[in-house]
Amino acid sequence: MIIRIIEKLSDIPATQWDAFAGNNPFLKHAYLNALQETGCAAPETGWQAQFITLWDDGRLVAGMPLYLKSHSYGEFVFDWAWAEAYQRHGLHYYPKLVCSVPFTPASGPRLLAKTPALRDELIRAALALAQERGMSSLHLLFPVESQARVMQAQGMMLRRGVQLHWRNAGYADFEDYLAGMRRDKRKKIKQERRRISDTGISFEHVRGEQITSEQWTFFLHCYEHTHVQYNSPQPLNLEFFLQIGKTMPQHILLIIATRDGKPVAAAINFYNHDTLFGRSWGALEYHPGLHFETCYYQAIDFCIKNNITLFEGGAQGEHKLARGFLPSTTWSAHWLAHPQFSKAVEEFLQREEGGIAQYVDELNASNPFKQ
């Protein structure tokens, strides 16, 4: 068995990598490679690829999307307080090693291997790399729970998080979905949808192979507008969207809102046979409820019509709860080299776990569905 650290994903045959990525669109060779080739996740932006790969007789048998990070942007598992604590004590938190899909708070496999022994070997290799290079820490973000438990068994600390997800109970249509909700919640959603309809706004669901360059350009305008509006960094560029539009169109859904023949808003989603992932949106006109309709109700309608069982709408957003999204646990795993800081973080995570459990109970108590 040979361990290789790969800095350019293009050096790995796409068919070999995708054999382990499965049907998860964010782990596909096309997606991760596009992030690199378009400069979105590159050394210049603080994402230096250090993919750990295992090879047997010249063939890939396991891999891990690992990055050397000089900051904590684009991760969605917030460790800024840990970095500040290091700085206050005259220590360096950066660089650190992070196993994740850049800018993507979606759970999925992080140890891409088909046997438990190879998954164990990937974790050992990542921990050894962190120690050999004198890294402050190693973080694996949004693994599926089964792999998080494997990481815990290797001595890493687990951190629990919460997202709000929508689940398809085999609804016949959107009205059938609403019928299961309490009257006040059902009434509010109908009012929001009617308000948008009354403005004359209509919606088009455009799948990847149908998206034109003009529609990609319009979406980018919306995407840029959102990041300017919230004064946040814009991690993705037009070249990235155009590239994935060509290389993985079967996983892309663009929802475009139009008024008087003019596009006014758009949202991008990724999907496979059982899950829809809501990612980014933007609007060039303000209309009350347009965000909910474009990002949630249209996506739910798409899931129902295409028998998709799960809709992950992204991180944060308690407003999703009233619209039928229920709490779901997410995970991350952490190793810190400094013994005292590792102990302090372990104690913090134990306290945080109690708060998370209480938060989930509060969310479930506000369940919008009929009991």
Protein backbone atom coordinates (compact mmCIF):
# COMPACT_ATOMS: atom_id res chain seq x y z
CA MET A 1 0.00 0.00 0.00
CA ILE A 2 1.39 3.38 -1.05
CA ILE A 3 0.24 6.70 0.49
CA ARG A 4 0.38 9.73 -1.81
CA ILE A 5 -0.45 13.35 -1.05
CA ILE A 6 -2.13 14.79 -4.15
CA GLU A 7 -2.18 18.56 -4.71
CA LYS A 8 -3.98 18.48 -8.08
CA LEU A 9 -7.08 16.33 -8.30
CA SER A 10 -6.62 16.21 -12.08
CA ASP A 11 -3.67 13.88 -11.37
CA ILE A 12 -6.19 11.22 -10.28
CA PRO A 13 -8.27 9.49 -12.99
CA ALA A 14 -11.85 10.70 -12.60
CA THR A 15 -13.31 7.21 -12.98
CA GLN A 16 -11.17 5.89 -10.14
CA TRP A 17 -12.06 8.76 -7.77
CA ASP A 18 -15.78 8.63 -8.63
CA ALA A 19 -15.87 4.91 -7.88
CA PHE A 20 -15.60 5.91 -4.20
CA ALA A 21 -17.54 9.20 -4.36
CA GLY A 22 -20.76 7.36 -5.14
CA ASN A 23 -23.72 9.52 -6.11
CA ASN A 24 -22.83 12.47 -3.86
CA PRO A 25 -22.49 15.43 -6.28
CA PHE A 26 -20.09 17.38 -4.02
CA LEU A 27 -17.61 14.53 -3.84
CA LYS A 28 -17.52 14.00 -7.58
CA HIS A 29 -14.19 14.51 -9.32
CA ALA A 30 -15.86 17.11 -11.57
CA TYR A 31 -17.02 19.25 -8.62
CA LEU A 32 -13.81 19.19 -6.55
CA ASN A 33 -11.63 19.60 -9.64
CA ALA A 34 -13.65 22.60 -10.81
CA LEU A 35 -13.10 24.29 -7.45
CA GLN A 36 -9.36 23.92 -8.02
CA GLU A 37 -9.13 24.72 -11.71
CA THR A 38 -11.23 27.90 -11.48
CA GLY A 39 -9.22 29.22 -8.51
CA CYS A 40 -12.10 29.05 -6.00
CA ALA A 41 -10.44 26.52 -3.67
CA ALA A 42 -6.76 27.12 -4.40
CA PRO A 43 -3.62 28.12 -2.47
CA GLU A 44 -4.29 31.76 -3.43
CA THR A 45 -7.61 31.66 -1.59
CA GLY A 46 -6.31 29.73 1.43
CA TRP A 47 -7.28 26.22 0.27
CA GLN A 48 -4.19 24.17 -0.58
CA ALA A 49 -5.19 20.65 -1.59
CA GLN A 50 -3.43 17.86 0.28
CA PHE A 51 -5.67 14.96 -0.73
CA ILE A 52 -4.61 11.78 1.03
CA THR A 53 -4.80 8.81 -1.32
CA LEU A 54 -3.99 5.12 -0.92
CA TRP A 55 -2.80 3.11 -3.92
CA ASP A 56 -2.42 -0.60 -4.49
CA ASP A 57 -0.64 -1.85 -7.60
CA GLY A 58 -1.03 1.57 -9.23
CA ARG A 59 -4.76 1.82 -8.59
CA LEU A 60 -6.61 4.14 -6.20
CA VAL A 61 -8.19 2.24 -3.31
CA ALA A 62 -9.05 5.11 -0.90
CA GLY A 63 -9.04 8.91 -0.71
CA MET A 64 -9.79 11.88 1.49
CA PRO A 65 -10.48 15.50 0.37
CA LEU A 66 -8.01 17.29 2.65
CA TYR A 67 -6.87 20.93 2.56
CA LEU A 68 -4.19 22.99 4.25
CA LYS A 69 -6.09 26.06 5.49
CA SER A 70 -4.79 29.51 6.44
CA HIS A 71 -8.21 30.68 7.71
CA SER A 72 -11.63 29.31 8.75
CA TYR A 73 -13.81 30.77 6.00
CA GLY A 74 -16.09 28.52 3.99
CA GLU A 75 -16.31 25.75 6.58
CA PHE A 76 -19.64 26.28 8.45
CA VAL A 77 -18.29 24.56 11.57
CA PHE A 78 -17.13 27.60 13.45
CA ASP A 79 -13.81 27.49 15.29
CA TRP A 80 -13.01 31.22 15.31
CA ALA A 81 -13.06 31.27 19.13
CA TRP A 82 -10.45 28.49 19.21
CA ALA A 83 -8.21 30.46 16.84
CA GLU A 84 -8.60 33.61 18.95
CA ALA A 85 -7.70 31.68 22.11
CA TYR A 86 -4.51 30.43 20.45
CA GLN A 87 -3.62 33.96 19.42
CA ARG A 88 -4.18 35.35 22.92
CA HIS A 89 -1.66 32.83 24.21
CA GLY A 90 0.92 33.63 21.55
CA LEU A 91 0.34 30.41 19.61
CA HIS A 92 -0.43 29.81 15.93
CA TYR A 93 -3.72 28.14 15.04
CA TYR A 94 -3.13 28.46 11.31
CA PRO A 95 -2.25 26.64 9.18
CA LYS A 96 -4.50 23.72 10.01
CA LEU A 97 -5.67 20.64 8.10
CA VAL A 98 -9.34 20.41 7.14
CA CYS A 99 -11.15 17.53 5.47
CA SER A 100 -14.25 19.00 3.85
CA VAL A 101 -15.97 20.05 0.66
CA PRO A 102 -15.17 23.78 0.40
CA PHE A 103 -18.10 26.16 0.93
CA THR A 104 -20.52 23.23 1.27
CA PRO A 105 -22.25 22.47 4.61
CA ALA A 106 -23.68 19.15 3.43
CA SER A 107 -23.07 15.86 5.20
CA GLY A 108 -21.53 12.97 3.31
CA PRO A 109 -18.70 10.44 3.38
CA ARG A 110 -15.27 11.89 4.08
CA LEU A 111 -13.33 8.62 4.17
CA LEU A 112 -13.71 7.40 0.62
CA ALA A 113 -12.95 3.70 0.89
CA LYS A 114 -14.89 0.46 0.70
CA THR A 115 -13.51 -1.34 3.74
CA PRO A 116 -13.24 -0.38 7.44
CA ALA A 117 -9.51 -1.13 7.38
CA LEU A 118 -8.90 1.39 4.60
CA ARG A 119 -11.03 4.03 6.34
CA ASP A 120 -8.97 3.54 9.49
CA GLU A 121 -5.81 3.88 7.42
CA LEU A 122 -7.00 7.21 5.98
CA ILE A 123 -7.55 8.67 9.47
CA ARG A 124 -4.17 7.42 10.67
CA ALA A 125 -2.52 8.94 7.61
CA ALA A 126 -4.25 12.31 8.19
CA LEU A 127 -3.25 12.38 11.86
CA ALA A 128 0.33 11.44 10.97
CA LEU A 129 0.47 14.18 8.34
CA ALA A 130 -0.78 16.77 10.85
CA GLN A 131 1.88 15.72 13.35
CA GLU A 132 4.73 15.50 10.86
CA ARG A 133 4.03 18.99 9.53
CA GLY A 134 3.51 20.55 12.94
CA MET A 135 -0.11 21.49 12.30
CA SER A 136 -2.12 22.93 15.17
CA SER A 137 -5.08 20.73 14.37
CA LEU A 138 -6.99 18.39 12.08
CA HIS A 139 -10.71 18.78 11.39
CA LEU A 140 -13.13 16.55 9.47
CA LEU A 141 -16.34 18.43 8.72
CA PHE A 142 -19.84 17.06 8.03
CA PRO A 143 -19.03 13.34 7.91
CA VAL A 144 -21.89 10.87 8.05
CA GLU A 145 -22.39 9.62 11.60
CA SER A 146 -20.98 6.15 10.99
CA GLN A 147 -17.68 7.67 9.86
CA ALA A 148 -17.74 10.21 12.68
CA ARG A 149 -17.82 7.30 15.12
CA VAL A 150 -14.80 5.78 13.38
CA MET A 151 -12.97 9.08 13.85
CA GLN A 152 -13.95 9.11 17.50
CA ALA A 153 -12.53 5.61 17.90
CA GLN A 154 -9.23 6.96 16.54
CA GLY A 155 -9.09 9.51 19.37
CA MET A 156 -10.73 12.51 17.72
CA MET A 157 -13.29 14.69 19.51
CA LEU A 158 -16.80 14.79 18.07
CA ARG A 159 -18.85 17.97 17.76
CA ARG A 160 -22.57 17.84 17.17
CA GLY A 161 -24.43 20.41 15.07
CA VAL A 162 -27.99 20.91 13.85
CA GLN A 163 -29.49 21.63 10.45
CA LEU A 164 -33.13 21.77 9.37
CA HIS A 165 -34.08 19.28 6.66
CA TRP A 166 -37.31 18.55 4.79
CA ARG A 167 -38.40 14.95 4.32
CA ASN A 168 -40.80 13.58 1.73
CA ALA A 169 -43.43 11.31 3.26
CA GLY A 170 -44.64 10.19 -0.15
CA TYR A 171 -46.74 13.28 -0.78
CA ALA A 172 -48.94 13.27 -3.88
CA ASP A 173 -48.48 17.01 -4.41
CA PHE A 174 -47.81 20.25 -2.51
CA GLU A 175 -51.41 20.43 -1.23
CA ASP A 176 -51.06 16.92 0.18
CA TYR A 177 -47.91 18.09 2.00
CA LEU A 178 -49.70 21.12 3.46
CA ALA A 179 -52.60 18.97 4.61
CA GLY A 180 -50.40 17.44 7.29
CA MET A 181 -49.55 20.80 8.87
CA ARG A 182 -51.34 22.67 11.61
CA ARG A 183 -53.92 25.11 10.34
CA ASP A 184 -52.02 28.31 11.24
CA LYS A 185 -48.82 27.11 9.54
CA ARG A 186 -50.70 25.91 6.48
CA LYS A 187 -52.54 29.23 6.21
CA LYS A 188 -49.32 31.25 6.42
CA ILE A 189 -47.61 29.26 3.66
CA LYS A 190 -50.63 29.62 1.38
CA GLN A 191 -50.65 33.37 2.01
CA GLU A 192 -46.95 33.64 1.18
CA ARG A 193 -47.36 31.70 -2.05
CA ARG A 194 -50.46 33.68 -3.06
CA ARG A 195 -48.65 36.97 -2.46
CA ILE A 196 -45.90 35.97 -4.89
CA SER A 197 -48.40 34.68 -7.44
CA ASP A 198 -50.31 37.96 -7.28
CA THR A 199 -47.18 39.88 -8.32
CA GLY A 200 -47.16 37.96 -11.60
CA ILE A 201 -43.93 36.13 -10.80
CA SER A 202 -43.62 32.69 -12.38
CA PHE A 203 -40.95 30.02 -11.97
CA GLU A 204 -38.96 27.80 -14.29
CA HIS A 205 -37.07 24.67 -13.22
CA VAL A 206 -34.03 24.36 -15.50
CA ARG A 207 -31.92 21.23 -15.29
CA GLY A 208 -28.19 21.37 -15.87
CA GLU A 209 -28.10 20.26 -19.48
CA GLN A 210 -30.70 22.92 -20.37
CA ILE A 211 -29.03 25.89 -18.64
CA THR A 212 -27.78 28.48 -21.12
CA SER A 213 -24.72 30.69 -20.68
CA GLU A 214 -27.09 33.67 -20.34
CA GLN A 215 -28.92 31.95 -17.48
CA TRP A 216 -25.62 31.14 -15.75
CA THR A 217 -24.59 34.79 -16.10
CA PHE A 218 -27.91 35.94 -14.65
CA PHE A 219 -27.55 33.54 -11.73
CA LEU A 220 -24.07 34.91 -11.04
CA HIS A 221 -25.51 38.46 -10.89
CA CYS A 222 -27.99 37.23 -8.27
CA TYR A 223 -25.25 35.38 -6.40
CA GLU A 224 -22.99 38.45 -6.38
CA HIS A 225 -25.86 40.65 -5.21
CA THR A 226 -26.48 38.41 -2.20
CA HIS A 227 -22.84 38.52 -1.11
CA VAL A 228 -22.67 42.30 -1.54
CA GLN A 229 -25.91 42.67 0.40
CA TYR A 230 -24.54 40.73 3.36
CA ASN A 231 -20.97 42.00 3.00
CA SER A 232 -19.61 38.46 2.77
CA PRO A 233 -16.82 37.02 0.62
CA GLN A 234 -17.88 35.60 -2.75
CA PRO A 235 -16.17 32.21 -2.97
CA LEU A 236 -17.41 31.00 -6.37
CA ASN A 237 -17.05 32.57 -9.82
CA LEU A 238 -18.70 32.31 -13.22
CA GLU A 239 -15.97 30.01 -14.54
CA PHE A 240 -16.79 27.51 -11.79
CA PHE A 241 -20.50 27.44 -12.59
CA LEU A 242 -19.88 27.17 -16.33
CA GLN A 243 -17.46 24.30 -15.79
CA ILE A 244 -19.73 22.20 -13.57
CA GLY A 245 -22.59 23.00 -15.94
CA LYS A 246 -20.65 21.14 -18.62
CA THR A 247 -19.09 18.36 -16.54
CA MET A 248 -21.91 17.37 -14.15
CA PRO A 249 -25.21 18.75 -15.53
CA GLN A 250 -27.14 15.69 -14.31
CA HIS A 251 -26.79 16.97 -10.73
CA ILE A 252 -27.79 20.64 -11.20
CA LEU A 253 -31.16 22.37 -10.92
CA LEU A 254 -31.54 26.11 -11.46
CA ILE A 255 -34.82 27.71 -10.32
CA ILE A 256 -35.43 31.04 -12.05
CA ALA A 257 -38.13 33.54 -11.07
CA THR A 258 -39.50 35.74 -13.85
CA ARG A 259 -41.76 38.80 -13.79
CA ASP A 260 -43.11 40.44 -16.98
CA GLY A 261 -40.75 38.31 -19.04
CA LYS A 262 -37.72 39.46 -17.08
CA PRO A 263 -35.74 37.21 -14.70
CA VAL A 264 -35.66 38.66 -11.18
CA ALA A 265 -34.27 35.89 -8.95
CA ALA A 266 -32.54 32.51 -9.11
CA ALA A 267 -31.49 29.66 -6.84
CA ILE A 268 -29.06 26.83 -7.54
CA ASN A 269 -29.62 23.33 -6.22
CA PHE A 270 -27.72 20.07 -6.59
CA TYR A 271 -29.42 16.69 -6.52
CA ASN A 272 -29.12 12.96 -6.96
CA HIS A 273 -31.74 10.22 -6.96
CA ASP A 274 -32.76 10.72 -3.31
CA THR A 275 -31.51 14.11 -2.05
CA LEU A 276 -31.81 17.74 -3.14
CA PHE A 277 -29.24 20.19 -1.76
CA GLY A 278 -30.16 23.88 -1.73
CA ARG A 279 -27.03 25.98 -2.11
CA SER A 280 -27.20 29.65 -3.13
CA TRP A 281 -29.73 32.20 -4.28
CA GLY A 282 -30.11 35.87 -5.07
CA ALA A 283 -32.73 38.39 -6.23
CA LEU A 284 -32.45 41.62 -8.17
CA GLU A 285 -35.90 42.77 -6.99
CA TYR A 286 -37.38 42.65 -3.52
CA HIS A 287 -40.76 41.00 -3.05
CA PRO A 288 -42.00 39.75 0.36
CA GLY A 289 -41.82 35.96 0.40
CA LEU A 290 -39.76 35.66 -2.78
CA HIS A 291 -36.91 33.99 -0.88
CA PHE A 292 -39.19 31.35 0.63
CA GLU A 293 -40.87 30.59 -2.71
CA THR A 294 -37.66 30.45 -4.77
CA CYS A 295 -35.51 28.55 -2.30
CA TYR A 296 -37.99 26.35 -0.42
CA TYR A 297 -41.47 25.93 -1.90
CA GLN A 298 -40.31 25.48 -5.49
CA ALA A 299 -37.64 23.03 -4.33
CA ILE A 300 -40.16 21.06 -2.25
CA ASP A 301 -42.44 20.90 -5.27
CA PHE A 302 -39.54 19.55 -7.35
CA CYS A 303 -38.82 16.88 -4.72
CA ILE A 304 -42.44 15.75 -4.61
CA LYS A 305 -42.74 15.53 -8.40
CA ASN A 306 -39.44 13.62 -8.71
CA ASN A 307 -39.81 11.31 -5.67
CA ILE A 308 -36.78 12.81 -3.92
CA THR A 309 -36.94 11.87 -0.26
CA LEU A 310 -34.70 14.48 1.41
CA PHE A 311 -34.17 18.21 0.90
CA GLU A 312 -31.20 19.77 2.69
CA GLY A 313 -31.70 23.52 2.58
CA GLY A 314 -28.26 24.45 3.91
CA ALA A 315 -26.92 25.68 7.23
CA GLN A 316 -28.77 27.79 9.79
CA GLY A 317 -32.18 29.41 9.23
CA GLU A 318 -34.73 28.76 12.00
CA HIS A 319 -37.37 30.26 9.68
CA LYS A 320 -37.29 26.90 7.87
CA LEU A 321 -38.97 25.20 10.83
CA ALA A 322 -42.37 26.83 10.23
CA ARG A 323 -42.14 25.68 6.61
CA GLY A 324 -41.79 22.01 7.41
CA PHE A 325 -38.05 21.55 7.92
CA LEU A 326 -37.20 19.51 11.02
CA PRO A 327 -33.95 19.26 13.03
CA SER A 328 -31.29 16.83 11.86
CA THR A 329 -27.93 16.14 13.50
CA THR A 330 -24.65 16.96 11.77
CA TRP A 331 -21.17 15.98 12.92
CA SER A 332 -17.57 17.07 12.84
CA ALA A 333 -14.41 15.52 14.31
CA HIS A 334 -11.41 17.41 15.72
CA TRP A 335 -7.85 16.75 16.86
CA LEU A 336 -5.69 19.47 18.45
CA ALA A 337 -1.97 18.99 18.94
CA HIS A 338 -1.62 21.20 22.02
CA PRO A 339 -2.57 19.06 25.08
CA GLN A 340 -3.94 21.89 27.22
CA PHE A 341 -5.98 23.39 24.40
CA SER A 342 -7.23 19.94 23.42
CA LYS A 343 -8.47 19.42 26.97
CA ALA A 344 -10.12 22.85 27.03
CA VAL A 345 -11.89 22.19 23.71
CA GLU A 346 -13.03 18.78 24.93
CA GLU A 347 -14.64 20.39 27.99
CA PHE A 348 -16.22 23.07 25.78
CA LEU A 349 -17.71 20.45 23.46
CA GLN A 350 -19.21 18.61 26.42
CA ARG A 351 -20.93 21.79 27.59
CA GLU A 352 -21.99 22.64 24.05
CA GLU A 353 -23.56 19.20 23.62
CA GLY A 354 -26.01 19.96 26.43
CA GLY A 355 -27.01 23.21 24.77
CA ILE A 356 -27.46 21.51 21.41
CA ALA A 357 -29.72 18.85 22.94
CA GLN A 358 -31.88 21.54 24.56
CA TYR A 359 -32.02 23.47 21.28
CA VAL A 360 -33.22 20.38 19.40
CA ASP A 361 -35.93 19.82 22.02
CA GLU A 362 -37.10 23.41 21.57
CA LEU A 363 -37.22 23.00 17.80
CA ASN A 364 -39.18 19.77 18.04
CA ALA A 365 -41.63 21.44 20.42
CA SER A 366 -42.40 23.92 17.62
CA ASN A 367 -43.04 21.16 15.08
CA PRO A 368 -45.44 22.64 12.48
CA PHE A 369 -47.13 19.30 11.72
CA LYS A 370 -50.27 17.91 13.27
CA GLN A 371 -49.50 15.74 16.27
